[in-house]
Each structure stands twice: as C-alpha cells, then as structure tokens.
Amino acid sequence: WLGSTCGHCPYCVSLRENLCDAPTFTGYTRD
C-alpha cells in the first residue's frame, strides 16, 4: 500500500513514515 514518502517531514525523520505528510499509495494515488 505505501508507495512512497517524502523522507523529510517530521514523521519521516522520526521513523514514522506511515504518517508522512506527503505520501503516495499504491492503487489509490498511483496506479
């Protein structure tokens, strides 16, 4: 499901990439 993350928001840098502010999701925001 988790297609990508921004890598630099507060959640990504604190090892909580599942809460990323600018993610993409497979089958939802990308094919």
PDB file of all heavy atoms in Angstrom:
ATOM      1  N   TRP A   1       0.817  -1.219   0.000  1.00  0.00           N
ATOM      2  CA  TRP A   1       0.000   0.000   0.000  1.00  0.00           C
ATOM      3  C   TRP A   1       0.849   1.267   0.000  1.00  0.00           C
ATOM      4  O   TRP A   1       0.600   2.191  -0.781  1.00  0.00           O
ATOM      5  CB  TRP A   1      -0.916  -0.046   1.228  1.00  0.00           C
ATOM      6  CG  TRP A   1      -1.642   1.203   1.593  1.00  0.00           C
ATOM      7  CD1 TRP A   1      -1.422   1.985   2.684  1.00  0.00           C
ATOM      8  CD2 TRP A   1      -2.761   1.790   0.912  1.00  0.00           C
ATOM      9  NE1 TRP A   1      -2.322   3.021   2.725  1.00  0.00           N
ATOM     10  CE2 TRP A   1      -3.152   2.931   1.651  1.00  0.00           C
ATOM     11  CE3 TRP A   1      -3.465   1.463  -0.242  1.00  0.00           C
ATOM     12  CZ2 TRP A   1      -4.218   3.745   1.265  1.00  0.00           C
ATOM     13  CZ3 TRP A   1      -4.533   2.273  -0.624  1.00  0.00           C
ATOM     14  CH2 TRP A   1      -4.893   3.395   0.118  1.00  0.00           C
ATOM     15  N   LEU A   2       1.867   1.343   0.864  1.00  0.00           N
ATOM     16  CA  LEU A   2       2.686   2.549   0.940  1.00  0.00           C
ATOM     17  C   LEU A   2       3.586   2.619  -0.279  1.00  0.00           C
ATOM     18  O   LEU A   2       4.529   1.843  -0.418  1.00  0.00           O
ATOM     19  CB  LEU A   2       3.513   2.560   2.224  1.00  0.00           C
ATOM     20  CG  LEU A   2       4.289   3.853   2.502  1.00  0.00           C
ATOM     21  CD1 LEU A   2       3.346   5.042   2.707  1.00  0.00           C
ATOM     22  CD2 LEU A   2       5.195   3.695   3.725  1.00  0.00           C
ATOM     23  N   GLY A   3       3.289   3.571  -1.176  1.00  0.00           N
ATOM     24  CA  GLY A   3       4.024   3.659  -2.434  1.00  0.00           C
ATOM     25  C   GLY A   3       5.285   4.490  -2.365  1.00  0.00           C
ATOM     26  O   GLY A   3       6.277   4.194  -3.031  1.00  0.00           O
ATOM     27  N   SER A   4       5.275   5.536  -1.544  1.00  0.00           N
ATOM     28  CA  SER A   4       6.463   6.375  -1.340  1.00  0.00           C
ATOM     29  C   SER A   4       6.157   7.368  -0.223  1.00  0.00           C
ATOM     30  O   SER A   4       4.991   7.575   0.144  1.00  0.00           O
ATOM     31  CB  SER A   4       6.850   7.136  -2.617  1.00  0.00           C
ATOM     32  OG  SER A   4       5.869   8.120  -2.933  1.00  0.00           O
ATOM     33  N   THR A   5       7.209   7.972   0.304  1.00  0.00           N
ATOM     34  CA  THR A   5       7.063   9.040   1.293  1.00  0.00           C
ATOM     35  C   THR A   5       8.005  10.176   0.926  1.00  0.00           C
ATOM     36  O   THR A   5       8.909  10.023   0.093  1.00  0.00           O
ATOM     37  CB  THR A   5       7.389   8.545   2.715  1.00  0.00           C
ATOM     38  OG1 THR A   5       8.745   8.073   2.750  1.00  0.00           O
ATOM     39  CG2 THR A   5       6.443   7.433   3.138  1.00  0.00           C
ATOM     40  N   CYS A   6       7.810  11.328   1.574  1.00  0.00           N
ATOM     41  CA  CYS A   6       8.630  12.487   1.233  1.00  0.00           C
ATOM     42  C   CYS A   6      10.042  12.367   1.786  1.00  0.00           C
ATOM     43  O   CYS A   6      10.989  12.922   1.210  1.00  0.00           O
ATOM     44  CB  CYS A   6       7.967  13.770   1.729  1.00  0.00           C
ATOM     45  SG  CYS A   6       7.987  13.987   3.530  1.00  0.00           S
ATOM     46  N   GLY A   7      10.199  11.677   2.933  1.00  0.00           N
ATOM     47  CA  GLY A   7      11.521  11.480   3.516  1.00  0.00           C
ATOM     48  C   GLY A   7      12.020  12.612   4.380  1.00  0.00           C
ATOM     49  O   GLY A   7      13.075  12.482   5.011  1.00  0.00           O
ATOM     50  N   HIS A   8      11.297  13.750   4.449  1.00  0.00           N
ATOM     51  CA  HIS A   8      11.842  14.882   5.204  1.00  0.00           C
ATOM     52  C   HIS A   8      10.840  15.564   6.125  1.00  0.00           C
ATOM     53  O   HIS A   8      11.191  16.515   6.822  1.00  0.00           O
ATOM     54  CB  HIS A   8      12.417  15.930   4.240  1.00  0.00           C
ATOM     55  CG  HIS A   8      11.461  16.390   3.170  1.00  0.00           C
ATOM     56  ND1 HIS A   8      10.394  17.207   3.429  1.00  0.00           N
ATOM     57  CD2 HIS A   8      11.399  16.094   1.849  1.00  0.00           C
ATOM     58  CE1 HIS A   8       9.734  17.433   2.307  1.00  0.00           C
ATOM     59  NE2 HIS A   8      10.302  16.771   1.332  1.00  0.00           N
ATOM     60  N   CYS A   9       9.590  15.127   6.153  1.00  0.00           N
ATOM     61  CA  CYS A   9       8.633  15.732   7.086  1.00  0.00           C
ATOM     62  C   CYS A   9       8.939  15.248   8.506  1.00  0.00           C
ATOM     63  O   CYS A   9       9.730  14.317   8.703  1.00  0.00           O
ATOM     64  CB  CYS A   9       7.199  15.378   6.685  1.00  0.00           C
ATOM     65  SG  CYS A   9       6.739  13.645   6.993  1.00  0.00           S
ATOM     66  N   PRO A  10       8.339  15.857   9.522  1.00  0.00           N
ATOM     67  CA  PRO A  10       8.644  15.437  10.901  1.00  0.00           C
ATOM     68  C   PRO A  10       8.392  13.957  11.167  1.00  0.00           C
ATOM     69  O   PRO A  10       9.078  13.345  11.998  1.00  0.00           O
ATOM     70  CB  PRO A  10       7.713  16.322  11.746  1.00  0.00           C
ATOM     71  CG  PRO A  10       7.474  17.538  10.913  1.00  0.00           C
ATOM     72  CD  PRO A  10       7.450  17.046   9.498  1.00  0.00           C
ATOM     73  N   TYR A  11       7.405  13.375  10.489  1.00  0.00           N
ATOM     74  CA  TYR A  11       7.103  11.972  10.717  1.00  0.00           C
ATOM     75  C   TYR A  11       8.151  11.064  10.072  1.00  0.00           C
ATOM     76  O   TYR A  11       8.583  10.076  10.675  1.00  0.00           O
ATOM     77  CB  TYR A  11       5.707  11.651  10.184  1.00  0.00           C
ATOM     78  CG  TYR A  11       4.642  12.477  10.862  1.00  0.00           C
ATOM     79  CD1 TYR A  11       4.018  13.527  10.188  1.00  0.00           C
ATOM     80  CD2 TYR A  11       4.277  12.221  12.176  1.00  0.00           C
ATOM     81  CE1 TYR A  11       3.059  14.299  10.817  1.00  0.00           C
ATOM     82  CE2 TYR A  11       3.310  12.988  12.812  1.00  0.00           C
ATOM     83  CZ  TYR A  11       2.702  14.031  12.126  1.00  0.00           C
ATOM     84  OH  TYR A  11       1.758  14.799  12.755  1.00  0.00           O
ATOM     85  N   CYS A  12       8.575  11.399   8.880  1.00  0.00           N
ATOM     86  CA  CYS A  12       9.595  10.587   8.214  1.00  0.00           C
ATOM     87  C   CYS A  12      10.914  10.607   8.980  1.00  0.00           C
ATOM     88  O   CYS A  12      11.539   9.559   9.170  1.00  0.00           O
ATOM     89  CB  CYS A  12       9.813  11.077   6.782  1.00  0.00           C
ATOM     90  SG  CYS A  12       8.476  10.654   5.625  1.00  0.00           S
ATOM     91  N   VAL A  13      11.333  11.776   9.441  1.00  0.00           N
ATOM     92  CA  VAL A  13      12.631  11.867  10.100  1.00  0.00           C
ATOM     93  C   VAL A  13      12.594  11.280  11.507  1.00  0.00           C
ATOM     94  O   VAL A  13      13.644  11.028  12.100  1.00  0.00           O
ATOM     95  CB  VAL A  13      13.150  13.319  10.144  1.00  0.00           C
ATOM     96  CG1 VAL A  13      13.328  13.863   8.730  1.00  0.00           C
ATOM     97  CG2 VAL A  13      12.230  14.232  10.948  1.00  0.00           C
ATOM     98  N   SER A  14      11.389  11.041  12.043  1.00  0.00           N
ATOM     99  CA  SER A  14      11.270  10.408  13.366  1.00  0.00           C
ATOM    100  C   SER A  14      10.879   8.947  13.239  1.00  0.00           C
ATOM    101  O   SER A  14      10.335   8.370  14.202  1.00  0.00           O
ATOM    102  CB  SER A  14      10.262  11.175  14.233  1.00  0.00           C
ATOM    103  OG  SER A  14       8.977  11.172  13.642  1.00  0.00           O
ATOM    104  N   LEU A  15      11.142   8.343  12.078  1.00  0.00           N
ATOM    105  CA  LEU A  15      10.920   6.910  11.834  1.00  0.00           C
ATOM    106  C   LEU A  15       9.443   6.532  11.930  1.00  0.00           C
ATOM    107  O   LEU A  15       9.092   5.429  12.321  1.00  0.00           O
ATOM    108  CB  LEU A  15      11.754   6.059  12.801  1.00  0.00           C
ATOM    109  CG  LEU A  15      13.266   6.312  12.780  1.00  0.00           C
ATOM    110  CD1 LEU A  15      13.963   5.399  13.768  1.00  0.00           C
ATOM    111  CD2 LEU A  15      13.832   6.129  11.383  1.00  0.00           C
ATOM    112  N   ARG A  16       8.564   7.461  11.544  1.00  0.00           N
ATOM    113  CA  ARG A  16       7.126   7.188  11.485  1.00  0.00           C
ATOM    114  C   ARG A  16       6.615   7.498  10.080  1.00  0.00           C
ATOM    115  O   ARG A  16       5.666   8.258   9.902  1.00  0.00           O
ATOM    116  CB  ARG A  16       6.395   8.030  12.541  1.00  0.00           C
ATOM    117  CG  ARG A  16       6.732   7.644  13.981  1.00  0.00           C
ATOM    118  CD  ARG A  16       6.000   8.530  14.971  1.00  0.00           C
ATOM    119  NE  ARG A  16       6.488   9.902  14.927  1.00  0.00           N
ATOM    120  CZ  ARG A  16       5.869  10.934  15.510  1.00  0.00           C
ATOM    121  NH1 ARG A  16       4.731  10.739  16.157  1.00  0.00           N
ATOM    122  NH2 ARG A  16       6.373  12.148  15.436  1.00  0.00           N
ATOM    123  N   GLU A  17       7.259   6.870   9.101  1.00  0.00           N
ATOM    124  CA  GLU A  17       6.932   7.190   7.724  1.00  0.00           C
ATOM    125  C   GLU A  17       5.497   6.823   7.353  1.00  0.00           C
ATOM    126  O   GLU A  17       4.959   7.336   6.367  1.00  0.00           O
ATOM    127  CB  GLU A  17       7.905   6.503   6.765  1.00  0.00           C
ATOM    128  CG  GLU A  17       7.846   4.984   6.772  1.00  0.00           C
ATOM    129  CD  GLU A  17       8.905   4.355   5.866  1.00  0.00           C
ATOM    130  OE1 GLU A  17       9.799   5.093   5.396  1.00  0.00           O
ATOM    131  OE2 GLU A  17       8.822   3.137   5.636  1.00  0.00           O
ATOM    132  N   ASN A  18       4.860   5.946   8.124  1.00  0.00           N
ATOM    133  CA  ASN A  18       3.460   5.627   7.861  1.00  0.00           C
ATOM    134  C   ASN A  18       2.549   6.829   8.044  1.00  0.00           C
ATOM    135  O   ASN A  18       1.415   6.845   7.552  1.00  0.00           O
ATOM    136  CB  ASN A  18       2.990   4.487   8.772  1.00  0.00           C
ATOM    137  CG  ASN A  18       3.103   4.827  10.248  1.00  0.00           C
ATOM    138  OD1 ASN A  18       4.173   5.200  10.726  1.00  0.00           O
ATOM    139  ND2 ASN A  18       2.009   4.698  10.979  1.00  0.00           N
ATOM    140  N   LEU A  19       3.032   7.868   8.744  1.00  0.00           N
ATOM    141  CA  LEU A  19       2.259   9.095   8.971  1.00  0.00           C
ATOM    142  C   LEU A  19       2.738  10.245   8.103  1.00  0.00           C
ATOM    143  O   LEU A  19       2.352  11.407   8.338  1.00  0.00           O
ATOM    144  CB  LEU A  19       2.340   9.499  10.450  1.00  0.00           C
ATOM    145  CG  LEU A  19       1.860   8.458  11.464  1.00  0.00           C
ATOM    146  CD1 LEU A  19       2.048   8.974  12.886  1.00  0.00           C
ATOM    147  CD2 LEU A  19       0.406   8.090  11.222  1.00  0.00           C
ATOM    148  N   CYS A  20       3.540   9.974   7.102  1.00  0.00           N
ATOM    149  CA  CYS A  20       4.122  11.008   6.232  1.00  0.00           C
ATOM    150  C   CYS A  20       3.070  12.018   5.776  1.00  0.00           C
ATOM    151  O   CYS A  20       1.927  11.663   5.482  1.00  0.00           O
ATOM    152  CB  CYS A  20       4.762  10.332   5.016  1.00  0.00           C
ATOM    153  SG  CYS A  20       5.390  11.489   3.756  1.00  0.00           S
ATOM    154  N   ASP A  21       3.492  13.274   5.700  1.00  0.00           N
ATOM    155  CA  ASP A  21       2.584  14.338   5.272  1.00  0.00           C
ATOM    156  C   ASP A  21       2.345  14.347   3.763  1.00  0.00           C
ATOM    157  O   ASP A  21       1.370  14.947   3.301  1.00  0.00           O
ATOM    158  CB  ASP A  21       3.152  15.707   5.684  1.00  0.00           C
ATOM    159  CG  ASP A  21       2.948  16.000   7.164  1.00  0.00           C
ATOM    160  OD1 ASP A  21       1.980  15.473   7.743  1.00  0.00           O
ATOM    161  OD2 ASP A  21       3.766  16.753   7.734  1.00  0.00           O
ATOM    162  N   ALA A  22       3.232  13.724   2.992  1.00  0.00           N
ATOM    163  CA  ALA A  22       3.094  13.765   1.528  1.00  0.00           C
ATOM    164  C   ALA A  22       3.403  12.397   0.925  1.00  0.00           C
ATOM    165  O   ALA A  22       4.333  12.242   0.134  1.00  0.00           O
ATOM    166  CB  ALA A  22       4.014  14.831   0.944  1.00  0.00           C
ATOM    167  N   PRO A  23       2.624  11.379   1.278  1.00  0.00           N
ATOM    168  CA  PRO A  23       2.883  10.029   0.768  1.00  0.00           C
ATOM    169  C   PRO A  23       2.190   9.796  -0.566  1.00  0.00           C
ATOM    170  O   PRO A  23       1.353  10.600  -1.014  1.00  0.00           O
ATOM    171  CB  PRO A  23       2.258   9.146   1.841  1.00  0.00           C
ATOM    172  CG  PRO A  23       1.053   9.939   2.254  1.00  0.00           C
ATOM    173  CD  PRO A  23       1.466  11.391   2.196  1.00  0.00           C
ATOM    174  N   THR A  24       2.526   8.681  -1.208  1.00  0.00           N
ATOM    175  CA  THR A  24       1.691   8.141  -2.272  1.00  0.00           C
ATOM    176  C   THR A  24       1.287   6.732  -1.861  1.00  0.00           C
ATOM    177  O   THR A  24       1.994   6.060  -1.104  1.00  0.00           O
ATOM    178  CB  THR A  24       2.412   8.097  -3.632  1.00  0.00           C
ATOM    179  OG1 THR A  24       3.494   7.156  -3.576  1.00  0.00           O
ATOM    180  CG2 THR A  24       2.922   9.466  -4.030  1.00  0.00           C
ATOM    181  N   PHE A  25       0.145   6.297  -2.360  1.00  0.00           N
ATOM    182  CA  PHE A  25      -0.385   4.990  -2.011  1.00  0.00           C
ATOM    183  C   PHE A  25      -0.714   4.214  -3.280  1.00  0.00           C
ATOM    184  O   PHE A  25      -1.397   4.723  -4.178  1.00  0.00           O
ATOM    185  CB  PHE A  25      -1.627   5.113  -1.129  1.00  0.00           C
ATOM    186  CG  PHE A  25      -1.372   5.788   0.185  1.00  0.00           C
ATOM    187  CD1 PHE A  25      -1.902   7.040   0.458  1.00  0.00           C
ATOM    188  CD2 PHE A  25      -0.576   5.184   1.153  1.00  0.00           C
ATOM    189  CE1 PHE A  25      -1.669   7.660   1.666  1.00  0.00           C
ATOM    190  CE2 PHE A  25      -0.328   5.795   2.368  1.00  0.00           C
ATOM    191  CZ  PHE A  25      -0.867   7.041   2.632  1.00  0.00           C
ATOM    192  N   THR A  26      -0.245   2.985  -3.320  1.00  0.00           N
ATOM    193  CA  THR A  26      -0.454   2.120  -4.471  1.00  0.00           C
ATOM    194  C   THR A  26      -1.944   1.819  -4.633  1.00  0.00           C
ATOM    195  O   THR A  26      -2.626   1.455  -3.678  1.00  0.00           O
ATOM    196  CB  THR A  26       0.312   0.796  -4.286  1.00  0.00           C
ATOM    197  OG1 THR A  26       1.663   1.078  -3.917  1.00  0.00           O
ATOM    198  CG2 THR A  26       0.282  -0.032  -5.562  1.00  0.00           C
ATOM    199  N   GLY A  27      -2.430   1.995  -5.852  1.00  0.00           N
ATOM    200  CA  GLY A  27      -3.823   1.708  -6.132  1.00  0.00           C
ATOM    201  C   GLY A  27      -4.791   2.746  -5.617  1.00  0.00           C
ATOM    202  O   GLY A  27      -6.008   2.521  -5.610  1.00  0.00           O
ATOM    203  N   TYR A  28      -4.276   3.904  -5.210  1.00  0.00           N
ATOM    204  CA  TYR A  28      -5.118   4.970  -4.646  1.00  0.00           C
ATOM    205  C   TYR A  28      -4.690   6.329  -5.194  1.00  0.00           C
ATOM    206  O   TYR A  28      -5.476   7.026  -5.834  1.00  0.00           O
ATOM    207  CB  TYR A  28      -5.037   4.917  -3.135  1.00  0.00           C
ATOM    208  CG  TYR A  28      -5.888   5.921  -2.391  1.00  0.00           C
ATOM    209  CD1 TYR A  28      -7.187   6.214  -2.785  1.00  0.00           C
ATOM    210  CD2 TYR A  28      -5.397   6.563  -1.251  1.00  0.00           C
ATOM    211  CE1 TYR A  28      -7.963   7.135  -2.091  1.00  0.00           C
ATOM    212  CE2 TYR A  28      -6.170   7.468  -0.543  1.00  0.00           C
ATOM    213  CZ  TYR A  28      -7.454   7.752  -0.969  1.00  0.00           C
ATOM    214  OH  TYR A  28      -8.217   8.653  -0.255  1.00  0.00           O
ATOM    215  N   THR A  29      -3.434   6.694  -4.960  1.00  0.00           N
ATOM    216  CA  THR A  29      -2.918   7.931  -5.538  1.00  0.00           C
ATOM    217  C   THR A  29      -1.889   7.670  -6.631  1.00  0.00           C
ATOM    218  O   THR A  29      -1.396   8.611  -7.251  1.00  0.00           O
ATOM    219  CB  THR A  29      -2.300   8.844  -4.457  1.00  0.00           C
ATOM    220  OG1 THR A  29      -1.214   8.154  -3.820  1.00  0.00           O
ATOM    221  CG2 THR A  29      -3.341   9.208  -3.410  1.00  0.00           C
ATOM    222  N   ARG A  30      -1.541   6.394  -6.850  1.00  0.00           N
ATOM    223  CA  ARG A  30      -0.762   5.989  -8.019  1.00  0.00           C
ATOM    224  C   ARG A  30      -1.294   4.627  -8.456  1.00  0.00           C
ATOM    225  O   ARG A  30      -1.857   3.878  -7.653  1.00  0.00           O
ATOM    226  CB  ARG A  30       0.741   5.932  -7.727  1.00  0.00           C
ATOM    227  CG  ARG A  30       1.167   4.941  -6.673  1.00  0.00           C
ATOM    228  CD  ARG A  30       2.681   4.981  -6.482  1.00  0.00           C
ATOM    229  NE  ARG A  30       3.399   4.518  -7.672  1.00  0.00           N
ATOM    230  CZ  ARG A  30       4.691   4.805  -7.909  1.00  0.00           C
ATOM    231  NH1 ARG A  30       5.370   5.553  -7.067  1.00  0.00           N
ATOM    232  NH2 ARG A  30       5.285   4.354  -9.001  1.00  0.00           N
ATOM    233  N   ASP A  31      -1.140   4.329  -9.734  1.00  0.00           N
ATOM    234  CA  ASP A  31      -1.730   3.107 -10.279  1.00  0.00           C
ATOM    235  C   ASP A  31      -1.196   1.866  -9.589  1.00  0.00           C
ATOM    236  O   ASP A  31      -0.008   1.765  -9.259  1.00  0.00           O
ATOM    237  CB  ASP A  31      -1.460   3.020 -11.777  1.00  0.00           C
ATOM    238  CG  ASP A  31      -2.356   3.944 -12.588  1.00  0.00           C
ATOM    239  OD1 ASP A  31      -3.413   4.355 -12.067  1.00  0.00           O
ATOM    240  OD2 ASP A  31      -2.012   4.248 -13.746  1.00  0.00           O
TER     241      ASP A  31
END
